[in-house]
Amino acid sequence: MTYLRLKGSGKPETFRRAAERSCGYAIDVCGDKPLTTYTRKDANAFRDALVARGMAGSSITKLFGMGALRNQLLRTAVQKSATVAAG
């Protein structure tokens, strides 16, 4: 996992487990696909699934705050918004 390679050096084992668990949650909800294919709809479904699990708002924020996931979801949402606005 790229995120772990870039951010996980020297971090405790709990960091790796949390990152893998977070990615697993996203894959369970949105499917295992290339990062560039995730959409705003995927991000919303992921958020809704976490809420349905009873996850606290602060925990959801942490999951979306994970670098790779957050950056890709934001990048995809911005690109799609720009495409719709230009269309």
Protein backbone atom coordinates (compact mmCIF):
# COMPACT_ATOMS: atom_id res chain seq x y z
CA MET A 1 0.00 0.00 0.00
CA THR A 2 1.51 3.29 -1.15
CA TYR A 3 0.20 5.23 1.84
CA LEU A 4 2.00 2.92 4.25
CA ARG A 5 5.19 3.04 2.22
CA LEU A 6 5.17 6.84 2.22
CA LYS A 7 3.81 7.60 5.68
CA GLY A 8 4.32 4.45 7.73
CA SER A 9 8.08 4.38 8.15
CA GLY A 10 8.94 4.28 11.84
CA LYS A 11 5.29 4.25 12.91
CA PRO A 12 3.94 1.66 15.37
CA GLU A 13 2.15 -1.50 14.25
CA THR A 14 -1.16 0.08 15.21
CA PHE A 15 -0.67 2.67 12.45
CA ARG A 16 -0.39 -0.06 9.81
CA ARG A 17 -3.42 -1.92 11.15
CA ALA A 18 -5.53 1.25 11.21
CA ALA A 19 -4.56 2.12 7.62
CA GLU A 20 -5.34 -1.37 6.37
CA ARG A 21 -8.64 -1.44 8.25
CA SER A 22 -9.63 1.94 6.77
CA CYS A 23 -8.86 0.81 3.25
CA GLY A 24 -10.76 -2.40 3.89
CA TYR A 25 -13.84 -0.42 4.92
CA ALA A 26 -13.67 1.61 1.71
CA ILE A 27 -13.21 -1.49 -0.45
CA ASP A 28 -16.12 -3.25 1.26
CA VAL A 29 -18.44 -0.35 0.44
CA CYS A 30 -17.12 0.99 -2.87
CA GLY A 31 -15.31 -1.98 -4.38
CA ASP A 32 -11.64 -2.60 -5.05
CA LYS A 33 -10.82 -0.39 -8.00
CA PRO A 34 -8.11 2.03 -9.10
CA LEU A 35 -8.01 5.17 -6.97
CA THR A 36 -8.70 7.39 -9.94
CA THR A 37 -12.08 5.75 -10.53
CA TYR A 38 -13.62 6.53 -7.13
CA THR A 39 -16.33 9.17 -7.32
CA ARG A 40 -18.12 11.58 -5.03
CA LYS A 41 -20.93 9.02 -4.92
CA ASP A 42 -18.40 6.47 -3.58
CA ALA A 43 -17.21 8.92 -0.93
CA ASN A 44 -20.79 9.61 0.15
CA ALA A 45 -21.63 5.90 0.26
CA PHE A 46 -18.50 5.25 2.31
CA ARG A 47 -19.41 8.02 4.76
CA ASP A 48 -23.00 6.76 5.04
CA ALA A 49 -21.81 3.20 5.69
CA LEU A 50 -19.54 4.40 8.48
CA VAL A 51 -22.40 6.34 10.05
CA ALA A 52 -24.64 3.25 9.78
CA ARG A 53 -21.97 1.25 11.62
CA GLY A 54 -22.34 3.71 14.49
CA MET A 55 -18.89 5.19 13.98
CA ALA A 56 -18.29 8.51 15.75
CA GLY A 57 -17.97 11.63 13.66
CA SER A 58 -14.37 12.11 14.82
CA SER A 59 -13.48 8.59 13.67
CA ILE A 60 -15.05 9.21 10.27
CA THR A 61 -13.07 12.43 9.96
CA LYS A 62 -9.88 10.50 10.73
CA LEU A 63 -10.65 7.94 8.03
CA PHE A 64 -11.27 10.66 5.46
CA GLY A 65 -8.20 12.44 6.77
CA MET A 66 -5.91 9.59 5.73
CA GLY A 67 -3.69 11.07 3.07
CA ALA A 68 -4.14 8.76 0.10
CA LEU A 69 -7.86 8.22 0.52
CA ARG A 70 -8.65 11.84 1.29
CA ASN A 71 -6.52 13.25 -1.48
CA GLN A 72 -7.87 10.95 -4.13
CA LEU A 73 -11.49 11.40 -3.13
CA LEU A 74 -11.07 15.18 -3.09
CA ARG A 75 -9.19 15.21 -6.38
CA THR A 76 -11.84 13.07 -8.05
CA ALA A 77 -14.68 15.20 -6.68
CA VAL A 78 -13.03 18.42 -7.86
CA GLN A 79 -12.33 17.01 -11.32
CA LYS A 80 -15.90 15.78 -11.70
CA SER A 81 -17.30 19.11 -10.45
CA ALA A 82 -15.14 21.00 -12.94
CA THR A 83 -16.29 18.74 -15.76
CA VAL A 84 -19.94 19.26 -14.89
CA ALA A 85 -19.48 23.04 -14.57
CA ALA A 86 -17.67 23.23 -17.92
CA GLY A 87 -20.26 21.01 -19.66
